[in-house]
Amino acid sequence: MTIFLQSLDYQLWHIIVNGPRMPTRTIEGVVSPKPENEYNDNDFRMLQLNSKPKHVLFCAVGPNEFNRIYSCDSAKEMWDLLEVTYCNTPGRRESSQGHIIYNIT
């Protein structure tokens, strides 16, 4: 999934790893969220870019996983939940080449 997301747009992967970027403004050295009525074209592009990785993840998972992640606010939250669900299971280990191996018993 990592390679797929990076191949679509590396910024998508960056948003999943680091969380969404939200439009902000700085007034007298204080950074605060920008009100929607002050959004410009770049802000809207940023928000759209935040939505794309969520869409990709929604389309990539099955119905059980969808039910787990649909209430998440960000793609990072979704990814973290999927990672805990599938990567931190007992019996999972990595081979010397970095491949994931599952012990099925």
Protein backbone atom coordinates (compact mmCIF):
# COMPACT_ATOMS: atom_id res chain seq x y z
CA MET A 1 0.00 0.00 0.00
CA THR A 2 2.88 2.35 0.77
CA ILE A 3 4.33 2.02 -2.73
CA PHE A 4 0.88 2.42 -4.30
CA LEU A 5 0.22 5.67 -2.43
CA GLN A 6 3.69 7.02 -3.18
CA SER A 7 3.25 6.16 -6.87
CA LEU A 8 0.00 8.13 -7.04
CA ASP A 9 1.46 11.22 -5.42
CA TYR A 10 4.26 11.31 -2.86
CA GLN A 11 2.46 14.12 -1.05
CA LEU A 12 -0.34 11.66 -0.28
CA TRP A 13 2.11 9.47 1.62
CA HIS A 14 3.54 12.52 3.37
CA ILE A 15 0.05 13.49 4.58
CA ILE A 16 -0.58 9.96 5.87
CA VAL A 17 2.70 9.88 7.79
CA ASN A 18 2.64 13.45 9.13
CA GLY A 19 -1.06 14.25 9.29
CA PRO A 20 -3.10 16.79 7.37
CA ARG A 21 -2.03 20.34 6.72
CA MET A 22 -4.62 22.94 7.55
CA PRO A 23 -4.73 26.56 6.34
CA THR A 24 -3.36 28.91 8.97
CA ARG A 25 -2.68 32.60 9.33
CA THR A 26 -0.14 34.50 11.41
CA ILE A 27 -1.19 37.65 13.21
CA GLU A 28 1.44 39.42 15.33
CA GLY A 29 3.52 36.24 15.50
CA VAL A 30 0.62 34.04 16.61
CA VAL A 31 -0.35 31.19 14.26
CA SER A 32 -4.05 30.33 14.23
CA PRO A 33 -6.45 28.41 11.97
CA LYS A 34 -7.61 30.49 9.03
CA PRO A 35 -11.39 31.13 8.86
CA GLU A 36 -13.07 29.55 5.82
CA ASN A 37 -14.10 32.93 4.45
CA GLU A 38 -10.38 33.79 4.08
CA TYR A 39 -9.39 30.63 2.15
CA ASN A 40 -7.65 31.20 -1.16
CA ASP A 41 -7.05 28.79 -4.06
CA ASN A 42 -3.92 27.33 -2.43
CA ASP A 43 -5.85 26.64 0.78
CA PHE A 44 -8.55 24.79 -1.15
CA ARG A 45 -5.90 22.76 -3.02
CA MET A 46 -4.32 21.86 0.33
CA LEU A 47 -7.67 20.71 1.71
CA GLN A 48 -8.35 18.68 -1.41
CA LEU A 49 -4.94 17.06 -1.10
CA ASN A 50 -5.81 16.14 2.50
CA SER A 51 -8.94 14.34 1.26
CA LYS A 52 -7.26 12.26 -1.45
CA PRO A 53 -5.40 9.80 0.83
CA LYS A 54 -8.62 9.22 2.80
CA HIS A 55 -10.42 8.41 -0.44
CA VAL A 56 -7.67 6.01 -1.53
CA LEU A 57 -7.76 4.20 1.82
CA PHE A 58 -11.56 3.96 1.77
CA CYS A 59 -11.41 2.40 -1.70
CA ALA A 60 -8.57 0.03 -0.82
CA VAL A 61 -10.04 -1.68 2.23
CA GLY A 62 -12.79 -4.25 2.59
CA PRO A 63 -16.09 -3.71 4.39
CA ASN A 64 -14.79 -4.79 7.82
CA GLU A 65 -11.84 -2.41 7.66
CA PHE A 66 -14.04 0.34 6.25
CA ASN A 67 -16.30 0.08 9.30
CA ARG A 68 -13.24 0.46 11.53
CA ILE A 69 -11.86 3.57 9.82
CA TYR A 70 -14.84 5.49 8.44
CA SER A 71 -15.17 7.70 11.53
CA CYS A 72 -11.51 8.79 11.52
CA ASP A 73 -10.92 12.48 10.84
CA SER A 74 -7.64 12.13 8.97
CA ALA A 75 -5.81 9.68 6.74
CA LYS A 76 -3.09 9.49 9.41
CA GLU A 77 -5.64 8.30 11.98
CA MET A 78 -6.95 5.75 9.48
CA TRP A 79 -3.46 4.49 8.64
CA ASP A 80 -2.45 4.28 12.30
CA LEU A 81 -5.56 2.24 13.10
CA LEU A 82 -4.94 -0.13 10.18
CA GLU A 83 -1.29 -0.42 11.16
CA VAL A 84 -2.19 -1.41 14.73
CA THR A 85 -4.77 -3.86 13.44
CA TYR A 86 -2.51 -5.62 10.93
CA CYS A 87 1.11 -4.94 11.86
CA ASN A 88 1.19 -5.44 15.62
CA THR A 89 -0.26 -8.91 15.74
CA PRO A 90 1.26 -11.82 17.67
CA GLY A 91 3.16 -14.09 15.34
CA ARG A 92 4.31 -11.27 13.08
CA ARG A 93 8.01 -10.94 12.58
CA GLU A 94 10.37 -9.67 9.92
CA SER A 95 12.78 -11.83 7.99
CA SER A 96 16.40 -10.86 7.50
CA GLN A 97 15.41 -9.27 4.16
CA GLY A 98 12.72 -7.12 5.83
CA HIS A 99 9.77 -9.18 4.59
CA ILE A 100 6.88 -9.67 6.96
CA ILE A 101 6.32 -13.25 8.00
CA TYR A 102 3.24 -14.50 9.81
CA ASN A 103 3.24 -17.66 11.90
CA ILE A 104 -0.07 -19.33 11.24
CA THR A 105 -0.91 -21.99 13.81
